[in-house]
Amino acid sequence: MQESHELNLIDQQETIEVVMEKMQHRKLTKKKILQRIFLITFGASLMGVGLEIFLVPNNVIDGGITGVSIMLSYVTGWKLGIFLFLLNIPFFFLGYKQIGKTFAISTLYGIIILSIATTLLHPVPAFTQDILLASVFGGIVLGIGVGMVIRYGGSLDGTEILAILFNNKLPFSVGEIIMFFNLFILACAGFVFTWDRAMYSLIAYFVAYKTIDITITGLDESKSVWIISDNAQIIGDAIMNRLGRGVTFLNGEGAYSGDQKKVIFCVINRLEEAKLKEIVTECDDNAFLAVADIAEVRGGRFKKREIH
């Protein structure tokens, strides 16, 4: 009886390993690839419009690597698209290591489209010369574009990837690191342009940040995830192997049915949400998935493993 039980456990483990091997190499369908390409293209182009039609002509900047690129373009006279591409390229490799291949490719594609869009739109005159209107509407258009790209698995600015990397080595949260970095950049705008432009830049950054949150409902630096599925073991292994996040299995019981259920709990950052949803859908279309914002994460094993 004991030997039979052990053999069953071995068979179950082998089955899980075979399924996981297949899951590791599962590719996106052509429909999803085309959808992702179109929406990332549209989002990156929208960001280009927000920059070249509203912010840049009025000497207003955004935060992050984009803000650094705008100031360097102003000082050197080079095209903005050159700096957007060159400064973000290192984060393509960091994104590949920290989050995964799909995210890295989506990010690289988005950055290329953004660089092309800003170059093509550079000769177009500003939509408005009113700096307040340019700051508000530029922030809105830019935020929608960035939000769309993040929602579909990419990124247009390396600041968050850099913050996630530093978060493993510094006693600050990802949100705090991003805030410090952006405050420093916006302060520099006062020296490069004027202090009133720096204050308008702060308005544009705030509007863009809030617009991103509206575009991607509930997007925050950290999120808790609860998953209930009959394929809990497969989903848990996929999250650990493909996303590099630790998971916790909890025992649950359905109040109505009385059935015993295994509940998966894990914590992810904002850039990993799209990938996690993709993993859960691939493993079990009928899985129950709940995602909630977390104000702060301390202790435990929140730091992710390396993905090879």
C-alpha atoms as a PDB file:
ATOM      1  CA  MET A   1       0.000   0.000   0.000  1.00  0.00           C
ATOM      2  CA  GLN A   2       2.811   2.373   0.932  1.00  0.00           C
ATOM      3  CA  GLU A   3       4.743   1.492  -2.240  1.00  0.00           C
ATOM      4  CA  SER A   4       1.629   2.105  -4.354  1.00  0.00           C
ATOM      5  CA  HIS A   5       1.164   5.503  -2.738  1.00  0.00           C
ATOM      6  CA  GLU A   6       4.793   6.438  -3.410  1.00  0.00           C
ATOM      7  CA  LEU A   7       4.512   5.321  -7.041  1.00  0.00           C
ATOM      8  CA  ASN A   8       1.421   7.490  -7.472  1.00  0.00           C
ATOM      9  CA  LEU A   9       3.286  10.485  -6.060  1.00  0.00           C
ATOM     10  CA  ILE A  10       6.202   9.850  -8.438  1.00  0.00           C
ATOM     11  CA  ASP A  11       3.804   9.563 -11.404  1.00  0.00           C
ATOM     12  CA  GLN A  12       2.088  12.822 -10.405  1.00  0.00           C
ATOM     13  CA  GLN A  13       5.438  14.592 -10.099  1.00  0.00           C
ATOM     14  CA  GLU A  14       6.578  13.315 -13.500  1.00  0.00           C
ATOM     15  CA  THR A  15       3.292  14.457 -15.054  1.00  0.00           C
ATOM     16  CA  ILE A  16       3.720  17.938 -13.546  1.00  0.00           C
ATOM     17  CA  GLU A  17       7.312  18.109 -14.822  1.00  0.00           C
ATOM     18  CA  VAL A  18       6.221  17.136 -18.355  1.00  0.00           C
ATOM     19  CA  VAL A  19       3.420  19.715 -18.346  1.00  0.00           C
ATOM     20  CA  MET A  20       5.792  22.370 -16.968  1.00  0.00           C
ATOM     21  CA  GLU A  21       8.339  21.637 -19.693  1.00  0.00           C
ATOM     22  CA  LYS A  22       5.658  22.200 -22.309  1.00  0.00           C
ATOM     23  CA  MET A  23       4.478  25.351 -20.550  1.00  0.00           C
ATOM     24  CA  GLN A  24       7.990  26.770 -20.490  1.00  0.00           C
ATOM     25  CA  HIS A  25       8.104  26.761 -24.297  1.00  0.00           C
ATOM     26  CA  ARG A  26       4.493  27.689 -25.064  1.00  0.00           C
ATOM     27  CA  LYS A  27       4.335  30.601 -27.481  1.00  0.00           C
ATOM     28  CA  LEU A  28       1.765  33.362 -27.768  1.00  0.00           C
ATOM     29  CA  THR A  29      -0.904  32.838 -30.403  1.00  0.00           C
ATOM     30  CA  LYS A  30      -0.685  34.926 -33.585  1.00  0.00           C
ATOM     31  CA  LYS A  31      -3.808  36.836 -32.526  1.00  0.00           C
ATOM     32  CA  LYS A  32      -2.274  37.832 -29.184  1.00  0.00           C
ATOM     33  CA  ILE A  33       1.033  38.749 -30.822  1.00  0.00           C
ATOM     34  CA  LEU A  34      -0.717  41.000 -33.367  1.00  0.00           C
ATOM     35  CA  GLN A  35      -2.858  42.552 -30.631  1.00  0.00           C
ATOM     36  CA  ARG A  36       0.218  43.252 -28.506  1.00  0.00           C
ATOM     37  CA  ILE A  37       2.141  44.719 -31.469  1.00  0.00           C
ATOM     38  CA  PHE A  38      -0.734  47.015 -32.441  1.00  0.00           C
ATOM     39  CA  LEU A  39      -1.438  48.307 -28.933  1.00  0.00           C
ATOM     40  CA  ILE A  40       2.224  48.800 -28.015  1.00  0.00           C
ATOM     41  CA  THR A  41       2.703  50.646 -31.319  1.00  0.00           C
ATOM     42  CA  PHE A  42      -0.310  52.844 -30.578  1.00  0.00           C
ATOM     43  CA  GLY A  43       0.743  53.469 -26.971  1.00  0.00           C
ATOM     44  CA  ALA A  44       4.338  54.356 -27.898  1.00  0.00           C
ATOM     45  CA  SER A  45       3.087  56.657 -30.666  1.00  0.00           C
ATOM     46  CA  LEU A  46       0.753  58.385 -28.187  1.00  0.00           C
ATOM     47  CA  MET A  47       3.688  58.996 -25.869  1.00  0.00           C
ATOM     48  CA  GLY A  48       5.566  60.496 -28.816  1.00  0.00           C
ATOM     49  CA  VAL A  49       2.629  62.859 -29.443  1.00  0.00           C
ATOM     50  CA  GLY A  50       2.537  63.875 -25.782  1.00  0.00           C
ATOM     51  CA  LEU A  51       6.246  64.665 -25.871  1.00  0.00           C
ATOM     52  CA  GLU A  52       6.756  66.358 -29.245  1.00  0.00           C
ATOM     53  CA  ILE A  53       3.370  68.079 -29.688  1.00  0.00           C
ATOM     54  CA  PHE A  54       2.847  69.264 -26.111  1.00  0.00           C
ATOM     55  CA  LEU A  55       5.767  69.030 -23.664  1.00  0.00           C
ATOM     56  CA  VAL A  56       9.089  69.371 -25.513  1.00  0.00           C
ATOM     57  CA  PRO A  57       8.230  72.519 -27.560  1.00  0.00           C
ATOM     58  CA  ASN A  58       7.253  74.252 -24.305  1.00  0.00           C
ATOM     59  CA  ASN A  59      10.399  73.113 -22.428  1.00  0.00           C
ATOM     60  CA  VAL A  60       8.370  70.926 -20.075  1.00  0.00           C
ATOM     61  CA  ILE A  61       9.753  67.498 -19.172  1.00  0.00           C
ATOM     62  CA  ASP A  62       8.486  64.203 -17.817  1.00  0.00           C
ATOM     63  CA  GLY A  63      10.149  62.140 -15.112  1.00  0.00           C
ATOM     64  CA  GLY A  64      12.470  59.167 -15.502  1.00  0.00           C
ATOM     65  CA  ILE A  65      14.781  58.416 -18.416  1.00  0.00           C
ATOM     66  CA  THR A  66      12.443  60.417 -20.658  1.00  0.00           C
ATOM     67  CA  GLY A  67      13.115  63.573 -18.637  1.00  0.00           C
ATOM     68  CA  VAL A  68      16.874  63.000 -18.811  1.00  0.00           C
ATOM     69  CA  SER A  69      16.593  62.493 -22.584  1.00  0.00           C
ATOM     70  CA  ILE A  70      14.653  65.752 -23.042  1.00  0.00           C
ATOM     71  CA  MET A  71      17.276  67.760 -21.124  1.00  0.00           C
ATOM     72  CA  LEU A  72      20.181  66.152 -23.003  1.00  0.00           C
ATOM     73  CA  SER A  73      18.444  66.827 -26.313  1.00  0.00           C
ATOM     74  CA  TYR A  74      17.968  70.482 -25.339  1.00  0.00           C
ATOM     75  CA  VAL A  75      21.607  70.922 -24.251  1.00  0.00           C
ATOM     76  CA  THR A  76      23.238  69.100 -27.193  1.00  0.00           C
ATOM     77  CA  GLY A  77      20.762  69.906 -29.968  1.00  0.00           C
ATOM     78  CA  TRP A  78      20.527  66.226 -30.931  1.00  0.00           C
ATOM     79  CA  LYS A  79      17.237  64.518 -31.736  1.00  0.00           C
ATOM     80  CA  LEU A  80      15.217  63.392 -28.712  1.00  0.00           C
ATOM     81  CA  GLY A  81      14.687  59.944 -30.259  1.00  0.00           C
ATOM     82  CA  ILE A  82      18.443  59.236 -30.175  1.00  0.00           C
ATOM     83  CA  PHE A  83      18.651  59.697 -26.402  1.00  0.00           C
ATOM     84  CA  LEU A  84      15.388  57.839 -25.751  1.00  0.00           C
ATOM     85  CA  PHE A  85      16.811  54.834 -27.596  1.00  0.00           C
ATOM     86  CA  LEU A  86      20.396  54.912 -26.276  1.00  0.00           C
ATOM     87  CA  LEU A  87      19.521  55.535 -22.606  1.00  0.00           C
ATOM     88  CA  ASN A  88      16.820  52.868 -22.511  1.00  0.00           C
ATOM     89  CA  ILE A  89      18.801  50.111 -24.247  1.00  0.00           C
ATOM     90  CA  PRO A  90      20.605  49.003 -21.027  1.00  0.00           C
ATOM     91  CA  PHE A  91      17.202  48.485 -19.414  1.00  0.00           C
ATOM     92  CA  PHE A  92      16.253  46.105 -22.212  1.00  0.00           C
ATOM     93  CA  PHE A  93      18.907  43.701 -20.902  1.00  0.00           C
ATOM     94  CA  LEU A  94      17.952  44.345 -17.276  1.00  0.00           C
ATOM     95  CA  GLY A  95      14.301  43.693 -18.148  1.00  0.00           C
ATOM     96  CA  TYR A  96      15.242  40.415 -19.797  1.00  0.00           C
ATOM     97  CA  LYS A  97      17.057  39.291 -16.650  1.00  0.00           C
ATOM     98  CA  GLN A  98      14.562  40.604 -14.098  1.00  0.00           C
ATOM     99  CA  ILE A  99      11.203  39.895 -15.744  1.00  0.00           C
ATOM    100  CA  GLY A 100      11.628  37.757 -18.835  1.00  0.00           C
ATOM    101  CA  LYS A 101      12.054  37.473 -22.591  1.00  0.00           C
ATOM    102  CA  THR A 102       8.552  38.561 -23.618  1.00  0.00           C
ATOM    103  CA  PHE A 103       8.722  41.705 -21.495  1.00  0.00           C
ATOM    104  CA  ALA A 104      12.187  42.566 -22.827  1.00  0.00           C
ATOM    105  CA  ILE A 105      11.156  42.163 -26.471  1.00  0.00           C
ATOM    106  CA  SER A 106       7.963  44.190 -25.928  1.00  0.00           C
ATOM    107  CA  THR A 107       9.996  46.907 -24.202  1.00  0.00           C
ATOM    108  CA  LEU A 108      12.608  47.043 -26.979  1.00  0.00           C
ATOM    109  CA  TYR A 109       9.896  47.262 -29.635  1.00  0.00           C
ATOM    110  CA  GLY A 110       8.090  50.019 -27.730  1.00  0.00           C
ATOM    111  CA  ILE A 111      11.290  52.038 -27.310  1.00  0.00           C
ATOM    112  CA  ILE A 112      12.072  51.748 -31.048  1.00  0.00           C
ATOM    113  CA  ILE A 113       8.552  52.944 -31.979  1.00  0.00           C
ATOM    114  CA  LEU A 114       8.806  55.796 -29.455  1.00  0.00           C
ATOM    115  CA  SER A 115      12.162  56.906 -30.876  1.00  0.00           C
ATOM    116  CA  ILE A 116      10.828  56.841 -34.444  1.00  0.00           C
ATOM    117  CA  ALA A 117       7.620  58.662 -33.454  1.00  0.00           C
ATOM    118  CA  THR A 118       9.467  61.507 -31.700  1.00  0.00           C
ATOM    119  CA  THR A 119      11.812  61.897 -34.691  1.00  0.00           C
ATOM    120  CA  LEU A 120       8.943  62.057 -37.201  1.00  0.00           C
ATOM    121  CA  LEU A 121       6.866  64.417 -35.025  1.00  0.00           C
ATOM    122  CA  HIS A 122       9.728  66.786 -34.195  1.00  0.00           C
ATOM    123  CA  PRO A 123       9.038  69.198 -37.139  1.00  0.00           C
ATOM    124  CA  VAL A 124       5.321  69.417 -36.205  1.00  0.00           C
ATOM    125  CA  PRO A 125       4.518  72.699 -34.399  1.00  0.00           C
ATOM    126  CA  ALA A 126       3.239  72.658 -30.823  1.00  0.00           C
ATOM    127  CA  PHE A 127      -0.512  72.183 -30.439  1.00  0.00           C
ATOM    128  CA  THR A 128      -0.679  75.019 -27.924  1.00  0.00           C
ATOM    129  CA  GLN A 129       1.650  77.705 -26.601  1.00  0.00           C
ATOM    130  CA  ASP A 130      -0.208  77.859 -23.279  1.00  0.00           C
ATOM    131  CA  ILE A 131       2.221  76.132 -20.917  1.00  0.00           C
ATOM    132  CA  LEU A 132      -0.424  75.051 -18.398  1.00  0.00           C
ATOM    133  CA  LEU A 133      -2.582  73.471 -21.119  1.00  0.00           C
ATOM    134  CA  ALA A 134       0.488  71.830 -22.651  1.00  0.00           C
ATOM    135  CA  SER A 135       1.508  70.409 -19.246  1.00  0.00           C
ATOM    136  CA  VAL A 136      -1.946  69.020 -18.440  1.00  0.00           C
ATOM    137  CA  PHE A 137      -2.882  67.608 -21.845  1.00  0.00           C
ATOM    138  CA  GLY A 138       0.658  66.483 -22.576  1.00  0.00           C
ATOM    139  CA  GLY A 139       0.628  64.559 -19.292  1.00  0.00           C
ATOM    140  CA  ILE A 140      -2.734  62.988 -20.146  1.00  0.00           C
ATOM    141  CA  VAL A 141      -1.712  61.854 -23.645  1.00  0.00           C
ATOM    142  CA  LEU A 142       1.657  60.623 -22.411  1.00  0.00           C
ATOM    143  CA  GLY A 143       0.075  58.768 -19.475  1.00  0.00           C
ATOM    144  CA  ILE A 144      -2.432  56.972 -21.697  1.00  0.00           C
ATOM    145  CA  GLY A 145       0.370  55.861 -24.015  1.00  0.00           C
ATOM    146  CA  VAL A 146       2.623  54.621 -21.216  1.00  0.00           C
ATOM    147  CA  GLY A 147      -0.310  52.903 -19.493  1.00  0.00           C
ATOM    148  CA  MET A 148      -1.276  51.013 -22.649  1.00  0.00           C
ATOM    149  CA  VAL A 149       2.261  49.748 -23.191  1.00  0.00           C
ATOM    150  CA  ILE A 150       2.603  48.575 -19.565  1.00  0.00           C
ATOM    151  CA  ARG A 151      -0.829  46.961 -19.701  1.00  0.00           C
ATOM    152  CA  TYR A 152       0.231  44.846 -22.654  1.00  0.00           C
ATOM    153  CA  GLY A 153       3.497  43.652 -21.211  1.00  0.00           C
ATOM    154  CA  GLY A 154       6.133  46.289 -22.019  1.00  0.00           C
ATOM    155  CA  SER A 155       7.662  49.503 -20.711  1.00  0.00           C
ATOM    156  CA  LEU A 156       8.798  52.803 -22.235  1.00  0.00           C
ATOM    157  CA  ASP A 157      11.029  54.014 -19.426  1.00  0.00           C
ATOM    158  CA  GLY A 158      13.781  52.168 -17.599  1.00  0.00           C
ATOM    159  CA  THR A 159      13.259  53.941 -14.253  1.00  0.00           C
ATOM    160  CA  GLU A 160      11.015  51.263 -12.794  1.00  0.00           C
ATOM    161  CA  ILE A 161      13.292  48.435 -13.898  1.00  0.00           C
ATOM    162  CA  LEU A 162      16.236  50.278 -12.315  1.00  0.00           C
ATOM    163  CA  ALA A 163      14.226  50.812  -9.129  1.00  0.00           C
ATOM    164  CA  ILE A 164      13.340  47.112  -8.950  1.00  0.00           C
ATOM    165  CA  LEU A 165      17.036  46.259  -9.324  1.00  0.00           C
ATOM    166  CA  PHE A 166      18.118  48.735  -6.612  1.00  0.00           C
ATOM    167  CA  ASN A 167      15.292  47.548  -4.361  1.00  0.00           C
ATOM    168  CA  ASN A 168      17.234  44.314  -3.820  1.00  0.00           C
ATOM    169  CA  LYS A 169      20.209  46.291  -2.477  1.00  0.00           C
ATOM    170  CA  LEU A 170      18.705  49.362  -0.770  1.00  0.00           C
ATOM    171  CA  PRO A 171      16.358  49.661   2.249  1.00  0.00           C
ATOM    172  CA  PHE A 172      13.737  51.510   0.195  1.00  0.00           C
ATOM    173  CA  SER A 173      10.624  50.398  -1.641  1.00  0.00           C
ATOM    174  CA  VAL A 174      10.353  50.540  -5.432  1.00  0.00           C
ATOM    175  CA  GLY A 175       7.939  53.471  -5.164  1.00  0.00           C
ATOM    176  CA  GLU A 176      10.303  55.440  -2.915  1.00  0.00           C
ATOM    177  CA  ILE A 177      13.273  54.899  -5.249  1.00  0.00           C
ATOM    178  CA  ILE A 178      11.219  56.063  -8.261  1.00  0.00           C
ATOM    179  CA  MET A 179      10.046  59.127  -6.323  1.00  0.00           C
ATOM    180  CA  PHE A 180      13.613  60.133  -5.301  1.00  0.00           C
ATOM    181  CA  PHE A 181      14.898  59.609  -8.832  1.00  0.00           C
ATOM    182  CA  ASN A 182      12.132  61.684 -10.424  1.00  0.00           C
ATOM    183  CA  LEU A 183      12.376  64.508  -7.887  1.00  0.00           C
ATOM    184  CA  PHE A 184      16.088  64.767  -8.682  1.00  0.00           C
ATOM    185  CA  ILE A 185      15.370  64.892 -12.452  1.00  0.00           C
ATOM    186  CA  LEU A 186      12.601  67.481 -12.079  1.00  0.00           C
ATOM    187  CA  ALA A 187      14.895  69.603  -9.898  1.00  0.00           C
ATOM    188  CA  CYS A 188      17.564  69.473 -12.617  1.00  0.00           C
ATOM    189  CA  ALA A 189      14.997  70.899 -15.043  1.00  0.00           C
ATOM    190  CA  GLY A 190      15.125  74.113 -13.030  1.00  0.00           C
ATOM    191  CA  PHE A 191      18.802  74.542 -13.887  1.00  0.00           C
ATOM    192  CA  VAL A 192      18.535  73.434 -17.530  1.00  0.00           C
ATOM    193  CA  PHE A 193      15.387  75.454 -18.311  1.00  0.00           C
ATOM    194  CA  THR A 194      13.845  77.771 -15.708  1.00  0.00           C
ATOM    195  CA  TRP A 195      12.269  77.128 -12.318  1.00  0.00           C
ATOM    196  CA  ASP A 196       8.782  77.897 -13.571  1.00  0.00           C
ATOM    197  CA  ARG A 197       9.299  75.209 -16.271  1.00  0.00           C
ATOM    198  CA  ALA A 198      10.400  72.805 -13.526  1.00  0.00           C
ATOM    199  CA  MET A 199       7.142  73.472 -11.669  1.00  0.00           C
ATOM    200  CA  TYR A 200       5.108  72.943 -14.843  1.00  0.00           C
ATOM    201  CA  SER A 201       7.079  69.732 -15.361  1.00  0.00           C
ATOM    202  CA  LEU A 202       5.964  68.587 -11.904  1.00  0.00           C
ATOM    203  CA  ILE A 203       2.348  69.192 -12.950  1.00  0.00           C
ATOM    204  CA  ALA A 204       2.863  67.207 -16.175  1.00  0.00           C
ATOM    205  CA  TYR A 205       4.502  64.353 -14.267  1.00  0.00           C
ATOM    206  CA  PHE A 206       1.677  64.209 -11.689  1.00  0.00           C
ATOM    207  CA  VAL A 207      -1.011  64.223 -14.399  1.00  0.00           C
ATOM    208  CA  ALA A 208       0.813  61.505 -16.369  1.00  0.00           C
ATOM    209  CA  TYR A 209       1.247  59.352 -13.241  1.00  0.00           C
ATOM    210  CA  LYS A 210      -2.452  59.546 -12.388  1.00  0.00           C
ATOM    211  CA  THR A 211      -3.448  58.888 -15.998  1.00  0.00           C
ATOM    212  CA  ILE A 212      -1.370  55.710 -16.006  1.00  0.00           C
ATOM    213  CA  ASP A 213      -3.276  54.529 -12.917  1.00  0.00           C
ATOM    214  CA  ILE A 214      -6.586  55.256 -14.660  1.00  0.00           C
ATOM    215  CA  THR A 215      -5.474  53.535 -17.872  1.00  0.00           C
ATOM    216  CA  ILE A 216      -4.429  50.445 -15.943  1.00  0.00           C
ATOM    217  CA  THR A 217      -6.891  50.059 -13.103  1.00  0.00           C
ATOM    218  CA  GLY A 218      -5.219  49.426  -9.778  1.00  0.00           C
ATOM    219  CA  LEU A 219      -1.681  49.371 -11.169  1.00  0.00           C
ATOM    220  CA  ASP A 220       0.715  49.883  -8.266  1.00  0.00           C
ATOM    221  CA  GLU A 221       4.304  48.975  -7.454  1.00  0.00           C
ATOM    222  CA  SER A 222       3.249  45.866  -5.490  1.00  0.00           C
ATOM    223  CA  LYS A 223       0.209  43.632  -5.752  1.00  0.00           C
ATOM    224  CA  SER A 224      -1.076  40.629  -3.861  1.00  0.00           C
ATOM    225  CA  VAL A 225      -2.473  37.789  -5.946  1.00  0.00           C
ATOM    226  CA  TRP A 226      -4.902  35.058  -4.879  1.00  0.00           C
ATOM    227  CA  ILE A 227      -5.544  32.137  -7.230  1.00  0.00           C
ATOM    228  CA  ILE A 228      -7.920  29.203  -6.768  1.00  0.00           C
ATOM    229  CA  SER A 229      -7.636  26.405  -9.311  1.00  0.00           C
ATOM    230  CA  ASP A 230      -7.743  22.650  -9.670  1.00  0.00           C
ATOM    231  CA  ASN A 231      -4.329  23.015 -11.355  1.00  0.00           C
ATOM    232  CA  ALA A 232      -2.835  24.910  -8.418  1.00  0.00           C
ATOM    233  CA  GLN A 233       0.416  22.942  -8.399  1.00  0.00           C
ATOM    234  CA  ILE A 234       1.043  23.552 -12.099  1.00  0.00           C
ATOM    235  CA  ILE A 235       0.217  27.268 -11.799  1.00  0.00           C
ATOM    236  CA  GLY A 236       2.423  27.619  -8.718  1.00  0.00           C
ATOM    237  CA  ASP A 237       5.361  25.936 -10.437  1.00  0.00           C
ATOM    238  CA  ALA A 238       4.859  28.093 -13.549  1.00  0.00           C
ATOM    239  CA  ILE A 239       4.908  31.306 -11.467  1.00  0.00           C
ATOM    240  CA  MET A 240       8.119  30.221  -9.725  1.00  0.00           C
ATOM    241  CA  ASN A 241       9.871  29.051 -12.895  1.00  0.00           C
ATOM    242  CA  ARG A 242       8.700  31.666 -15.402  1.00  0.00           C
ATOM    243  CA  LEU A 243       8.258  34.718 -13.183  1.00  0.00           C
ATOM    244  CA  GLY A 244      10.825  33.943 -10.497  1.00  0.00           C
ATOM    245  CA  ARG A 245       8.355  34.678  -7.685  1.00  0.00           C
ATOM    246  CA  GLY A 246       7.817  32.535  -4.614  1.00  0.00           C
ATOM    247  CA  VAL A 247       4.303  31.277  -3.931  1.00  0.00           C
ATOM    248  CA  THR A 248       2.482  30.029  -0.855  1.00  0.00           C
ATOM    249  CA  PHE A 249      -0.111  27.257  -0.960  1.00  0.00           C
ATOM    250  CA  LEU A 250      -3.040  27.588   1.455  1.00  0.00           C
ATOM    251  CA  ASN A 251      -5.728  25.019   2.169  1.00  0.00           C
ATOM    252  CA  GLY A 252      -9.259  26.260   1.500  1.00  0.00           C
ATOM    253  CA  GLU A 253     -12.794  24.916   1.561  1.00  0.00           C
ATOM    254  CA  GLY A 254     -15.729  26.041  -0.562  1.00  0.00           C
ATOM    255  CA  ALA A 255     -18.498  27.321   1.747  1.00  0.00           C
ATOM    256  CA  TYR A 256     -21.268  26.192  -0.600  1.00  0.00           C
ATOM    257  CA  SER A 257     -19.841  22.983  -2.059  1.00  0.00           C
ATOM    258  CA  GLY A 258     -17.637  21.927   0.845  1.00  0.00           C
ATOM    259  CA  ASP A 259     -14.926  20.947  -1.639  1.00  0.00           C
ATOM    260  CA  GLN A 260     -11.302  21.169  -0.531  1.00  0.00           C
ATOM    261  CA  LYS A 261      -9.359  23.705  -2.587  1.00  0.00           C
ATOM    262  CA  LYS A 262      -5.704  24.702  -2.774  1.00  0.00           C
ATOM    263  CA  VAL A 263      -5.241  28.496  -2.775  1.00  0.00           C
ATOM    264  CA  ILE A 264      -2.143  30.162  -4.236  1.00  0.00           C
ATOM    265  CA  PHE A 265      -0.898  33.416  -2.721  1.00  0.00           C
ATOM    266  CA  CYS A 266       1.977  35.516  -4.076  1.00  0.00           C
ATOM    267  CA  VAL A 267       3.198  39.114  -4.282  1.00  0.00           C
ATOM    268  CA  ILE A 268       4.348  40.688  -7.564  1.00  0.00           C
ATOM    269  CA  ASN A 269       5.334  44.136  -8.834  1.00  0.00           C
ATOM    270  CA  ARG A 270       3.326  46.202 -11.315  1.00  0.00           C
ATOM    271  CA  LEU A 271       5.301  45.167 -14.390  1.00  0.00           C
ATOM    272  CA  GLU A 272       4.729  41.452 -13.730  1.00  0.00           C
ATOM    273  CA  GLU A 273       0.906  41.545 -13.615  1.00  0.00           C
ATOM    274  CA  ALA A 274       0.368  41.018 -17.354  1.00  0.00           C
ATOM    275  CA  LYS A 275       2.773  38.072 -17.395  1.00  0.00           C
ATOM    276  CA  LEU A 276       1.140  36.452 -14.342  1.00  0.00           C
ATOM    277  CA  LYS A 277      -2.343  36.710 -15.877  1.00  0.00           C
ATOM    278  CA  GLU A 278      -0.985  35.109 -19.032  1.00  0.00           C
ATOM    279  CA  ILE A 279       0.472  32.218 -17.014  1.00  0.00           C
ATOM    280  CA  VAL A 280      -2.794  31.610 -15.106  1.00  0.00           C
ATOM    281  CA  THR A 281      -4.882  31.711 -18.304  1.00  0.00           C
ATOM    282  CA  GLU A 282      -2.571  29.230 -20.038  1.00  0.00           C
ATOM    283  CA  CYS A 283      -2.727  26.793 -17.118  1.00  0.00           C
ATOM    284  CA  ASP A 284      -6.435  27.092 -16.314  1.00  0.00           C
ATOM    285  CA  ASP A 285      -8.952  29.289 -18.166  1.00  0.00           C
ATOM    286  CA  ASN A 286     -11.468  28.798 -15.338  1.00  0.00           C
ATOM    287  CA  ALA A 287      -9.124  29.672 -12.463  1.00  0.00           C
ATOM    288  CA  PHE A 288     -10.332  32.225  -9.907  1.00  0.00           C
ATOM    289  CA  LEU A 289      -7.902  35.165  -9.847  1.00  0.00           C
ATOM    290  CA  ALA A 290      -7.964  38.165  -7.496  1.00  0.00           C
ATOM    291  CA  VAL A 291      -5.395  40.974  -7.625  1.00  0.00           C
ATOM    292  CA  ALA A 292      -5.174  43.712  -4.992  1.00  0.00           C
ATOM    293  CA  ASP A 293      -2.919  46.704  -4.361  1.00  0.00           C
ATOM    294  CA  ILE A 294      -0.418  46.570  -1.506  1.00  0.00           C
ATOM    295  CA  ALA A 295       0.708  49.765   0.186  1.00  0.00           C
ATOM    296  CA  GLU A 296       3.921  48.214   1.526  1.00  0.00           C
ATOM    297  CA  VAL A 297       5.824  44.926   1.485  1.00  0.00           C
ATOM    298  CA  ARG A 298       8.292  44.001   4.240  1.00  0.00           C
ATOM    299  CA  GLY A 299      10.225  40.849   5.090  1.00  0.00           C
ATOM    300  CA  GLY A 300       9.459  37.390   3.798  1.00  0.00           C
ATOM    301  CA  ARG A 301      10.764  36.263   0.428  1.00  0.00           C
ATOM    302  CA  PHE A 302       9.451  39.042  -1.809  1.00  0.00           C
ATOM    303  CA  LYS A 303      12.800  39.373  -3.638  1.00  0.00           C
ATOM    304  CA  LYS A 304      12.560  37.283  -6.773  1.00  0.00           C
ATOM    305  CA  ARG A 305      14.905  34.576  -7.996  1.00  0.00           C
ATOM    306  CA  GLU A 306      17.024  34.934 -11.115  1.00  0.00           C
ATOM    307  CA  ILE A 307      15.341  33.773 -14.343  1.00  0.00           C
ATOM    308  CA  HIS A 308      17.523  31.751 -16.678  1.00  0.00           C
END
